[in-house]
Amino acid sequence: MISDISMKDSPIYRGFVNYFDIRHIDQIACNIILIDRTDFMTFLTNANNKTRLLAVSDKSFVSAQQFLFDSLWSIALPFKEKIKEIEYGRGKSFTKNISKSLEILGIIRTSITSSIDEVLVLFSEYEVLIHSKKLGILNLLQEATRSGIKVRIIVYCENNNIKDELKAMFIENFPDISVQYLQKSLQTKMTTMIFDRRTFLDISTEINSNENLEGIMGSCVYSNNEIKLNSLISIFEFLWIQSDIDNQKIIKEAYFKLFKGFNLRDETYKRDWTFETNNQKK
């Protein structure tokens, strides 16, 4: 589909992305439909606003219209890029300090549902991740993956038993979310969320069993500041790589422990291979 996507219509087009590959061109001046490169259709409206459907199957005419469409398609802006341009724009950098938990939750939910490409989440405490599940945030992230959005989560968890429980939880309930586990504490009480590498939330968190679920969230910074954003993305990617390396080390250690005590020894087997030619056999 090629269309002229505006801010007003962007929610409608979001509903189409699961069915159409969509691109944008400014000021589309006609409505046409091409089917299987064999049929052309358009709607004609007369002076009395009466609409009729015009259908053409002439091969040369349809081929010309198809050529026009393919030419426009090659220069049209992909849907995701257009939505980013509309919703994030090229406006000024902003930074908002938010202290109300309900407002923070509202921004989280809106940012997840309006994301196009990717959501990155860094939990400095696994307890916050568990509370996020209770708040429905993990459910929203899982739903986002069904629209092709890539979701990656890093969480600090040193306790192997709890880590196994978290892994089982994601496999059962959130199978499309990629998760890495940090072995070393971040020495900070923050949860960071990055949306489409365009905006971020930096939330101070404090676990207190006596508080309600929203009470785990303290002050929050919501911003699109480019310098801070790039710094957070770099930190996330570094920790993602580091956690993957740590995970590989754990797998190797488990592998070697598996064979420890079997008294395995090196053995070398040799055999001489000789081949006779047909002439020698005769």
C-alpha atoms as a PDB file:
ATOM      1  CA  MET A   1       0.000   0.000   0.000  1.00  0.00           C
ATOM      2  CA  ILE A   2       1.152   3.524  -0.803  1.00  0.00           C
ATOM      3  CA  SER A   3      -0.659   6.340   0.965  1.00  0.00           C
ATOM      4  CA  ASP A   4      -0.309   9.870   2.323  1.00  0.00           C
ATOM      5  CA  ILE A   5       0.070   9.229   6.062  1.00  0.00           C
ATOM      6  CA  SER A   6      -0.713  12.103   8.406  1.00  0.00           C
ATOM      7  CA  MET A   7      -0.672  12.512  12.190  1.00  0.00           C
ATOM      8  CA  LYS A   8      -4.466  12.296  12.265  1.00  0.00           C
ATOM      9  CA  ASP A   9      -4.567   9.029  10.333  1.00  0.00           C
ATOM     10  CA  SER A  10      -1.515   7.311  11.854  1.00  0.00           C
ATOM     11  CA  PRO A  11      -3.555   5.228  14.381  1.00  0.00           C
ATOM     12  CA  ILE A  12      -5.606   3.806  11.491  1.00  0.00           C
ATOM     13  CA  TYR A  13      -2.511   2.791   9.550  1.00  0.00           C
ATOM     14  CA  ARG A  14      -1.101   1.109  12.645  1.00  0.00           C
ATOM     15  CA  GLY A  15      -3.997  -1.322  12.372  1.00  0.00           C
ATOM     16  CA  PHE A  16      -3.014  -2.113   8.781  1.00  0.00           C
ATOM     17  CA  VAL A  17       0.645  -3.020   9.360  1.00  0.00           C
ATOM     18  CA  ASN A  18      -0.147  -6.660  10.112  1.00  0.00           C
ATOM     19  CA  TYR A  19      -1.826  -6.993   6.704  1.00  0.00           C
ATOM     20  CA  PHE A  20      -0.006  -4.538   4.414  1.00  0.00           C
ATOM     21  CA  ASP A  21       3.524  -3.479   3.653  1.00  0.00           C
ATOM     22  CA  ILE A  22       2.931   0.295   3.772  1.00  0.00           C
ATOM     23  CA  ARG A  23       4.893   3.235   2.371  1.00  0.00           C
ATOM     24  CA  HIS A  24       4.259   6.985   2.294  1.00  0.00           C
ATOM     25  CA  ILE A  25       4.269   9.620  -0.439  1.00  0.00           C
ATOM     26  CA  ASP A  26       3.043  13.199   0.037  1.00  0.00           C
ATOM     27  CA  GLN A  27      -0.154  14.344  -1.663  1.00  0.00           C
ATOM     28  CA  ILE A  28      -1.368  11.141  -3.283  1.00  0.00           C
ATOM     29  CA  ALA A  29      -4.013  12.372  -5.716  1.00  0.00           C
ATOM     30  CA  CYS A  30      -5.823   9.178  -6.695  1.00  0.00           C
ATOM     31  CA  ASN A  31      -7.186   5.914  -5.323  1.00  0.00           C
ATOM     32  CA  ILE A  32      -6.395   2.803  -7.339  1.00  0.00           C
ATOM     33  CA  ILE A  33      -6.225  -0.939  -6.719  1.00  0.00           C
ATOM     34  CA  LEU A  34      -4.076  -3.382  -8.678  1.00  0.00           C
ATOM     35  CA  ILE A  35      -4.621  -7.124  -8.317  1.00  0.00           C
ATOM     36  CA  ASP A  36      -2.193  -9.830  -9.480  1.00  0.00           C
ATOM     37  CA  ARG A  37      -0.863  -7.455 -12.156  1.00  0.00           C
ATOM     38  CA  THR A  38      -3.924  -8.348 -14.244  1.00  0.00           C
ATOM     39  CA  ASP A  39      -6.733  -6.120 -12.940  1.00  0.00           C
ATOM     40  CA  PHE A  40      -7.039  -2.390 -12.300  1.00  0.00           C
ATOM     41  CA  MET A  41      -9.810  -0.736 -10.265  1.00  0.00           C
ATOM     42  CA  THR A  42     -10.597   2.815  -9.200  1.00  0.00           C
ATOM     43  CA  PHE A  43     -13.549   4.797  -7.900  1.00  0.00           C
ATOM     44  CA  LEU A  44     -15.125   7.578  -9.992  1.00  0.00           C
ATOM     45  CA  THR A  45     -17.195  10.345  -8.411  1.00  0.00           C
ATOM     46  CA  ASN A  46     -19.441  12.626 -10.476  1.00  0.00           C
ATOM     47  CA  ALA A  47     -20.702  16.141  -9.772  1.00  0.00           C
ATOM     48  CA  ASN A  48     -23.564  14.757  -7.658  1.00  0.00           C
ATOM     49  CA  ASN A  49     -21.096  12.858  -5.440  1.00  0.00           C
ATOM     50  CA  LYS A  50     -22.282   9.539  -6.790  1.00  0.00           C
ATOM     51  CA  THR A  51     -19.503   6.940  -6.840  1.00  0.00           C
ATOM     52  CA  ARG A  52     -18.980   4.164  -9.349  1.00  0.00           C
ATOM     53  CA  LEU A  53     -16.328   1.470  -9.586  1.00  0.00           C
ATOM     54  CA  LEU A  54     -14.272   1.350 -12.766  1.00  0.00           C
ATOM     55  CA  ALA A  55     -12.619  -2.014 -13.476  1.00  0.00           C
ATOM     56  CA  VAL A  56     -10.134  -2.544 -16.320  1.00  0.00           C
ATOM     57  CA  SER A  57      -8.411  -5.777 -17.313  1.00  0.00           C
ATOM     58  CA  ASP A  58      -6.779  -4.599 -20.558  1.00  0.00           C
ATOM     59  CA  LYS A  59      -3.231  -5.968 -20.369  1.00  0.00           C
ATOM     60  CA  SER A  60      -1.373  -2.924 -21.745  1.00  0.00           C
ATOM     61  CA  PHE A  61      -3.329  -0.482 -19.556  1.00  0.00           C
ATOM     62  CA  VAL A  62      -2.801  -2.536 -16.389  1.00  0.00           C
ATOM     63  CA  SER A  63       0.913  -2.906 -17.159  1.00  0.00           C
ATOM     64  CA  ALA A  64       1.271   0.867 -17.467  1.00  0.00           C
ATOM     65  CA  GLN A  65      -0.475   1.406 -14.125  1.00  0.00           C
ATOM     66  CA  GLN A  66       1.650  -1.287 -12.507  1.00  0.00           C
ATOM     67  CA  PHE A  67       4.810   0.397 -13.789  1.00  0.00           C
ATOM     68  CA  LEU A  68       3.637   3.678 -12.260  1.00  0.00           C
ATOM     69  CA  PHE A  69       2.944   1.996  -8.912  1.00  0.00           C
ATOM     70  CA  ASP A  70       6.316   0.206  -8.858  1.00  0.00           C
ATOM     71  CA  SER A  71       8.099   3.474  -9.641  1.00  0.00           C
ATOM     72  CA  LEU A  72       6.345   5.250  -6.772  1.00  0.00           C
ATOM     73  CA  TRP A  73       7.030   2.300  -4.446  1.00  0.00           C
ATOM     74  CA  SER A  74      10.770   2.529  -5.078  1.00  0.00           C
ATOM     75  CA  ILE A  75      10.926   6.143  -3.858  1.00  0.00           C
ATOM     76  CA  ALA A  76       8.236   6.028  -1.146  1.00  0.00           C
ATOM     77  CA  LEU A  77       9.153   6.357   2.540  1.00  0.00           C
ATOM     78  CA  PRO A  78       8.687   3.155   4.608  1.00  0.00           C
ATOM     79  CA  PHE A  79       5.834   3.302   7.098  1.00  0.00           C
ATOM     80  CA  LYS A  80       8.021   3.019  10.199  1.00  0.00           C
ATOM     81  CA  GLU A  81      10.207   5.891   9.095  1.00  0.00           C
ATOM     82  CA  LYS A  82       7.188   8.071   8.411  1.00  0.00           C
ATOM     83  CA  ILE A  83       5.619   7.294  11.797  1.00  0.00           C
ATOM     84  CA  LYS A  84       8.878   8.192  13.523  1.00  0.00           C
ATOM     85  CA  GLU A  85       8.944  11.458  11.614  1.00  0.00           C
ATOM     86  CA  ILE A  86       5.346  12.211  12.581  1.00  0.00           C
ATOM     87  CA  GLU A  87       5.360  11.147  16.220  1.00  0.00           C
ATOM     88  CA  TYR A  88       8.892  12.069  17.219  1.00  0.00           C
ATOM     89  CA  GLY A  89       9.413  14.805  14.697  1.00  0.00           C
ATOM     90  CA  ARG A  90      12.513  16.878  14.438  1.00  0.00           C
ATOM     91  CA  GLY A  91      11.560  19.225  17.210  1.00  0.00           C
ATOM     92  CA  LYS A  92      13.556  20.483  20.133  1.00  0.00           C
ATOM     93  CA  SER A  93      15.045  18.267  22.779  1.00  0.00           C
ATOM     94  CA  PHE A  94      12.840  17.903  25.863  1.00  0.00           C
ATOM     95  CA  THR A  95      13.388  16.644  29.395  1.00  0.00           C
ATOM     96  CA  LYS A  96      10.579  16.179  31.903  1.00  0.00           C
ATOM     97  CA  ASN A  97      10.914  15.289  35.581  1.00  0.00           C
ATOM     98  CA  ILE A  98       7.942  13.252  36.779  1.00  0.00           C
ATOM     99  CA  SER A  99       7.217  12.203  40.351  1.00  0.00           C
ATOM    100  CA  LYS A 100       3.698  10.751  40.150  1.00  0.00           C
ATOM    101  CA  SER A 101       3.699   6.962  39.738  1.00  0.00           C
ATOM    102  CA  LEU A 102       0.437   6.859  37.803  1.00  0.00           C
ATOM    103  CA  GLU A 103       1.759   9.416  35.318  1.00  0.00           C
ATOM    104  CA  ILE A 104       4.939   7.381  34.878  1.00  0.00           C
ATOM    105  CA  LEU A 105       2.887   4.239  34.250  1.00  0.00           C
ATOM    106  CA  GLY A 106       0.797   6.124  31.714  1.00  0.00           C
ATOM    107  CA  ILE A 107       3.890   7.204  29.782  1.00  0.00           C
ATOM    108  CA  ILE A 108       5.289   3.647  29.881  1.00  0.00           C
ATOM    109  CA  ARG A 109       2.096   2.174  28.474  1.00  0.00           C
ATOM    110  CA  THR A 110       1.701   4.856  25.811  1.00  0.00           C
ATOM    111  CA  SER A 111       5.349   4.582  24.766  1.00  0.00           C
ATOM    112  CA  ILE A 112       5.177   0.795  24.434  1.00  0.00           C
ATOM    113  CA  THR A 113       1.971   0.791  22.397  1.00  0.00           C
ATOM    114  CA  SER A 114       3.257   3.555  20.101  1.00  0.00           C
ATOM    115  CA  SER A 115       6.694   2.004  19.511  1.00  0.00           C
ATOM    116  CA  ILE A 116       7.579   0.954  15.983  1.00  0.00           C
ATOM    117  CA  ASP A 117      10.904  -0.878  15.992  1.00  0.00           C
ATOM    118  CA  GLU A 118      12.390  -1.680  19.361  1.00  0.00           C
ATOM    119  CA  VAL A 119      12.026  -1.409  23.119  1.00  0.00           C
ATOM    120  CA  LEU A 120      15.050  -1.809  25.403  1.00  0.00           C
ATOM    121  CA  VAL A 121      14.610  -2.284  29.172  1.00  0.00           C
ATOM    122  CA  LEU A 122      17.267  -2.426  31.880  1.00  0.00           C
ATOM    123  CA  PHE A 123      16.236  -3.573  35.372  1.00  0.00           C
ATOM    124  CA  SER A 124      18.831  -3.025  38.091  1.00  0.00           C
ATOM    125  CA  GLU A 125      16.752  -5.237  40.414  1.00  0.00           C
ATOM    126  CA  TYR A 126      14.875  -8.395  39.536  1.00  0.00           C
ATOM    127  CA  GLU A 127      12.148  -7.478  42.058  1.00  0.00           C
ATOM    128  CA  VAL A 128      11.161  -4.540  39.861  1.00  0.00           C
ATOM    129  CA  LEU A 129      10.786  -6.888  36.904  1.00  0.00           C
ATOM    130  CA  ILE A 130       8.439  -9.075  38.962  1.00  0.00           C
ATOM    131  CA  HIS A 131       6.391  -5.997  39.946  1.00  0.00           C
ATOM    132  CA  SER A 132       6.334  -4.953  36.273  1.00  0.00           C
ATOM    133  CA  LYS A 133       4.639  -8.248  35.465  1.00  0.00           C
ATOM    134  CA  LYS A 134       1.965  -7.507  38.088  1.00  0.00           C
ATOM    135  CA  LEU A 135       1.451  -4.052  36.599  1.00  0.00           C
ATOM    136  CA  GLY A 136       0.880  -5.547  33.133  1.00  0.00           C
ATOM    137  CA  ILE A 137       4.012  -4.008  31.604  1.00  0.00           C
ATOM    138  CA  LEU A 138       5.463  -7.353  30.518  1.00  0.00           C
ATOM    139  CA  ASN A 139       2.135  -8.245  28.916  1.00  0.00           C
ATOM    140  CA  LEU A 140       2.270  -5.022  26.886  1.00  0.00           C
ATOM    141  CA  LEU A 141       5.821  -5.806  25.809  1.00  0.00           C
ATOM    142  CA  GLN A 142       4.789  -9.305  24.724  1.00  0.00           C
ATOM    143  CA  GLU A 143       1.879  -7.872  22.736  1.00  0.00           C
ATOM    144  CA  ALA A 144       4.282  -5.429  21.079  1.00  0.00           C
ATOM    145  CA  THR A 145       6.384  -8.326  19.768  1.00  0.00           C
ATOM    146  CA  ARG A 146       3.347  -9.591  17.846  1.00  0.00           C
ATOM    147  CA  SER A 147       3.531  -6.418  15.763  1.00  0.00           C
ATOM    148  CA  GLY A 148       7.147  -7.132  14.864  1.00  0.00           C
ATOM    149  CA  ILE A 149       8.663  -4.939  17.579  1.00  0.00           C
ATOM    150  CA  LYS A 150      11.912  -6.282  19.008  1.00  0.00           C
ATOM    151  CA  VAL A 151      11.939  -6.293  22.804  1.00  0.00           C
ATOM    152  CA  ARG A 152      15.131  -6.877  24.792  1.00  0.00           C
ATOM    153  CA  ILE A 153      15.415  -6.926  28.575  1.00  0.00           C
ATOM    154  CA  ILE A 154      18.491  -6.977  30.808  1.00  0.00           C
ATOM    155  CA  VAL A 155      17.959  -7.773  34.489  1.00  0.00           C
ATOM    156  CA  TYR A 156      20.380  -8.127  37.372  1.00  0.00           C
ATOM    157  CA  CYS A 157      19.864 -11.406  39.218  1.00  0.00           C
ATOM    158  CA  GLU A 158      22.643 -13.215  41.033  1.00  0.00           C
ATOM    159  CA  ASN A 159      20.479 -15.879  42.692  1.00  0.00           C
ATOM    160  CA  ASN A 160      20.455 -18.926  40.390  1.00  0.00           C
ATOM    161  CA  ASN A 161      17.172 -20.309  41.794  1.00  0.00           C
ATOM    162  CA  ILE A 162      15.349 -17.023  41.173  1.00  0.00           C
ATOM    163  CA  LYS A 163      16.982 -16.766  37.768  1.00  0.00           C
ATOM    164  CA  ASP A 164      15.622 -20.198  36.850  1.00  0.00           C
ATOM    165  CA  GLU A 165      12.153 -19.084  37.978  1.00  0.00           C
ATOM    166  CA  LEU A 166      12.407 -15.954  35.824  1.00  0.00           C
ATOM    167  CA  LYS A 167      13.533 -17.981  32.814  1.00  0.00           C
ATOM    168  CA  ALA A 168      10.572 -20.336  33.252  1.00  0.00           C
ATOM    169  CA  MET A 169       8.217 -17.338  33.576  1.00  0.00           C
ATOM    170  CA  PHE A 170       9.427 -15.830  30.295  1.00  0.00           C
ATOM    171  CA  ILE A 171       9.297 -19.146  28.431  1.00  0.00           C
ATOM    172  CA  GLU A 172       5.715 -19.754  29.578  1.00  0.00           C
ATOM    173  CA  ASN A 173       4.240 -16.248  29.431  1.00  0.00           C
ATOM    174  CA  PHE A 174       6.531 -13.997  27.384  1.00  0.00           C
ATOM    175  CA  PRO A 175       8.304 -16.273  24.889  1.00  0.00           C
ATOM    176  CA  ASP A 176       9.038 -13.572  22.292  1.00  0.00           C
ATOM    177  CA  ILE A 177      10.919 -11.254  24.646  1.00  0.00           C
ATOM    178  CA  SER A 178      14.715 -11.637  24.637  1.00  0.00           C
ATOM    179  CA  VAL A 179      16.250 -11.581  28.126  1.00  0.00           C
ATOM    180  CA  GLN A 180      19.814 -11.479  29.426  1.00  0.00           C
ATOM    181  CA  TYR A 181      20.807 -11.792  33.087  1.00  0.00           C
ATOM    182  CA  LEU A 182      23.575  -9.755  34.708  1.00  0.00           C
ATOM    183  CA  GLN A 183      25.831 -11.457  37.246  1.00  0.00           C
ATOM    184  CA  LYS A 184      27.175  -8.244  38.769  1.00  0.00           C
ATOM    185  CA  SER A 185      25.171  -5.510  40.454  1.00  0.00           C
ATOM    186  CA  LEU A 186      24.831  -2.186  38.640  1.00  0.00           C
ATOM    187  CA  GLN A 187      25.228  -0.350  41.950  1.00  0.00           C
ATOM    188  CA  THR A 188      22.209   1.761  41.132  1.00  0.00           C
ATOM    189  CA  LYS A 189      18.476   1.603  41.816  1.00  0.00           C
ATOM    190  CA  MET A 190      17.239   2.545  38.359  1.00  0.00           C
ATOM    191  CA  THR A 191      15.021   1.084  35.662  1.00  0.00           C
ATOM    192  CA  THR A 192      15.728   2.403  32.178  1.00  0.00           C
ATOM    193  CA  MET A 193      13.391   2.046  29.195  1.00  0.00           C
ATOM    194  CA  ILE A 194      14.366   3.129  25.671  1.00  0.00           C
ATOM    195  CA  PHE A 195      11.742   3.390  22.931  1.00  0.00           C
ATOM    196  CA  ASP A 196      12.775   3.211  19.260  1.00  0.00           C
ATOM    197  CA  ARG A 197      16.112   4.788  20.258  1.00  0.00           C
ATOM    198  CA  ARG A 198      14.243   8.105  20.234  1.00  0.00           C
ATOM    199  CA  THR A 199      12.995   8.614  23.800  1.00  0.00           C
ATOM    200  CA  PHE A 200      13.812   7.143  27.185  1.00  0.00           C
ATOM    201  CA  LEU A 201      12.557   6.837  30.742  1.00  0.00           C
ATOM    202  CA  ASP A 202      15.035   6.704  33.622  1.00  0.00           C
ATOM    203  CA  ILE A 203      13.086   5.663  36.738  1.00  0.00           C
ATOM    204  CA  SER A 204      14.432   5.470  40.275  1.00  0.00           C
ATOM    205  CA  THR A 205      13.001   2.405  42.023  1.00  0.00           C
ATOM    206  CA  GLU A 206      12.789   1.237  45.591  1.00  0.00           C
ATOM    207  CA  ILE A 207      11.439  -2.140  46.638  1.00  0.00           C
ATOM    208  CA  ASN A 208       9.251  -1.986  49.736  1.00  0.00           C
ATOM    209  CA  SER A 209       6.816  -4.802  50.464  1.00  0.00           C
ATOM    210  CA  ASN A 210       4.594  -2.451  52.467  1.00  0.00           C
ATOM    211  CA  GLU A 211       3.943  -0.215  49.479  1.00  0.00           C
ATOM    212  CA  ASN A 212       1.393  -0.727  46.709  1.00  0.00           C
ATOM    213  CA  LEU A 213       2.593  -1.764  43.270  1.00  0.00           C
ATOM    214  CA  GLU A 214       2.834   1.775  41.931  1.00  0.00           C
ATOM    215  CA  GLY A 215       4.848   2.788  44.986  1.00  0.00           C
ATOM    216  CA  ILE A 216       8.019   1.102  43.755  1.00  0.00           C
ATOM    217  CA  MET A 217       8.513   3.983  41.324  1.00  0.00           C
ATOM    218  CA  GLY A 218      10.177   7.142  42.547  1.00  0.00           C
ATOM    219  CA  SER A 219      11.216  10.128  40.492  1.00  0.00           C
ATOM    220  CA  CYS A 220      11.535   9.719  36.731  1.00  0.00           C
ATOM    221  CA  VAL A 221      13.218  11.492  33.847  1.00  0.00           C
ATOM    222  CA  TYR A 222      11.412  11.344  30.497  1.00  0.00           C
ATOM    223  CA  SER A 223      13.457  12.781  27.650  1.00  0.00           C
ATOM    224  CA  ASN A 224      14.697  12.631  24.069  1.00  0.00           C
ATOM    225  CA  ASN A 225      18.000  14.339  24.849  1.00  0.00           C
ATOM    226  CA  GLU A 226      20.347  12.972  22.204  1.00  0.00           C
ATOM    227  CA  ILE A 227      23.529  12.934  24.289  1.00  0.00           C
ATOM    228  CA  LYS A 228      21.936  11.160  27.246  1.00  0.00           C
ATOM    229  CA  LEU A 229      20.007   8.826  24.936  1.00  0.00           C
ATOM    230  CA  ASN A 230      23.120   7.722  23.057  1.00  0.00           C
ATOM    231  CA  SER A 231      24.902   7.156  26.367  1.00  0.00           C
ATOM    232  CA  LEU A 232      22.091   4.930  27.655  1.00  0.00           C
ATOM    233  CA  ILE A 233      21.973   2.956  24.399  1.00  0.00           C
ATOM    234  CA  SER A 234      25.741   2.395  24.547  1.00  0.00           C
ATOM    235  CA  ILE A 235      25.511   1.202  28.159  1.00  0.00           C
ATOM    236  CA  PHE A 236      22.649  -1.146  27.294  1.00  0.00           C
ATOM    237  CA  GLU A 237      24.470  -2.671  24.322  1.00  0.00           C
ATOM    238  CA  PHE A 238      27.658  -3.119  26.355  1.00  0.00           C
ATOM    239  CA  LEU A 239      25.766  -4.855  29.171  1.00  0.00           C
ATOM    240  CA  TRP A 240      23.915  -7.022  26.646  1.00  0.00           C
ATOM    241  CA  ILE A 241      27.202  -8.258  25.191  1.00  0.00           C
ATOM    242  CA  GLN A 242      28.746  -8.681  28.647  1.00  0.00           C
ATOM    243  CA  SER A 243      25.781 -10.675  29.966  1.00  0.00           C
ATOM    244  CA  ASP A 244      25.924 -12.907  26.905  1.00  0.00           C
ATOM    245  CA  ILE A 245      29.635 -13.569  27.515  1.00  0.00           C
ATOM    246  CA  ASP A 246      28.932 -14.346  31.191  1.00  0.00           C
ATOM    247  CA  ASN A 247      26.182 -16.725  30.155  1.00  0.00           C
ATOM    248  CA  GLN A 248      28.543 -18.568  27.798  1.00  0.00           C
ATOM    249  CA  LYS A 249      31.051 -18.933  30.638  1.00  0.00           C
ATOM    250  CA  ILE A 250      28.373 -20.482  32.858  1.00  0.00           C
ATOM    251  CA  ILE A 251      27.466 -22.950  30.120  1.00  0.00           C
ATOM    252  CA  LYS A 252      31.114 -23.936  29.696  1.00  0.00           C
ATOM    253  CA  GLU A 253      31.577 -24.402  33.433  1.00  0.00           C
ATOM    254  CA  ALA A 254      28.466 -26.567  33.603  1.00  0.00           C
ATOM    255  CA  TYR A 255      29.733 -28.607  30.649  1.00  0.00           C
ATOM    256  CA  PHE A 256      33.091 -29.303  32.280  1.00  0.00           C
ATOM    257  CA  LYS A 257      31.462 -30.154  35.605  1.00  0.00           C
ATOM    258  CA  LEU A 258      29.267 -32.654  33.798  1.00  0.00           C
ATOM    259  CA  PHE A 259      32.281 -34.714  32.738  1.00  0.00           C
ATOM    260  CA  LYS A 260      34.328 -34.170  35.873  1.00  0.00           C
ATOM    261  CA  GLY A 261      35.103 -37.423  37.699  1.00  0.00           C
ATOM    262  CA  PHE A 262      34.637 -39.723  34.712  1.00  0.00           C
ATOM    263  CA  ASN A 263      38.422 -40.348  34.544  1.00  0.00           C
ATOM    264  CA  LEU A 264      38.445 -39.740  30.821  1.00  0.00           C
ATOM    265  CA  ARG A 265      41.756 -40.282  29.058  1.00  0.00           C
ATOM    266  CA  ASP A 266      43.208 -39.417  25.716  1.00  0.00           C
ATOM    267  CA  GLU A 267      43.461 -42.323  23.309  1.00  0.00           C
ATOM    268  CA  THR A 268      44.975 -42.392  19.852  1.00  0.00           C
ATOM    269  CA  TYR A 269      43.891 -44.885  17.213  1.00  0.00           C
ATOM    270  CA  LYS A 270      45.947 -45.585  14.107  1.00  0.00           C
ATOM    271  CA  ARG A 271      45.313 -47.653  11.022  1.00  0.00           C
ATOM    272  CA  ASP A 272      47.281 -48.101   7.850  1.00  0.00           C
ATOM    273  CA  TRP A 273      45.163 -47.736   4.734  1.00  0.00           C
ATOM    274  CA  THR A 274      46.425 -49.373   1.531  1.00  0.00           C
ATOM    275  CA  PHE A 275      44.761 -49.429  -1.834  1.00  0.00           C
ATOM    276  CA  GLU A 276      45.469 -51.749  -4.733  1.00  0.00           C
ATOM    277  CA  THR A 277      45.050 -50.679  -8.298  1.00  0.00           C
ATOM    278  CA  ASN A 278      43.076 -52.778 -10.766  1.00  0.00           C
ATOM    279  CA  ASN A 279      46.314 -53.778 -12.555  1.00  0.00           C
ATOM    280  CA  GLN A 280      47.828 -55.084  -9.294  1.00  0.00           C
ATOM    281  CA  LYS A 281      44.744 -57.191  -8.599  1.00  0.00           C
ATOM    282  CA  LYS A 282      45.105 -58.801 -12.008  1.00  0.00           C
END
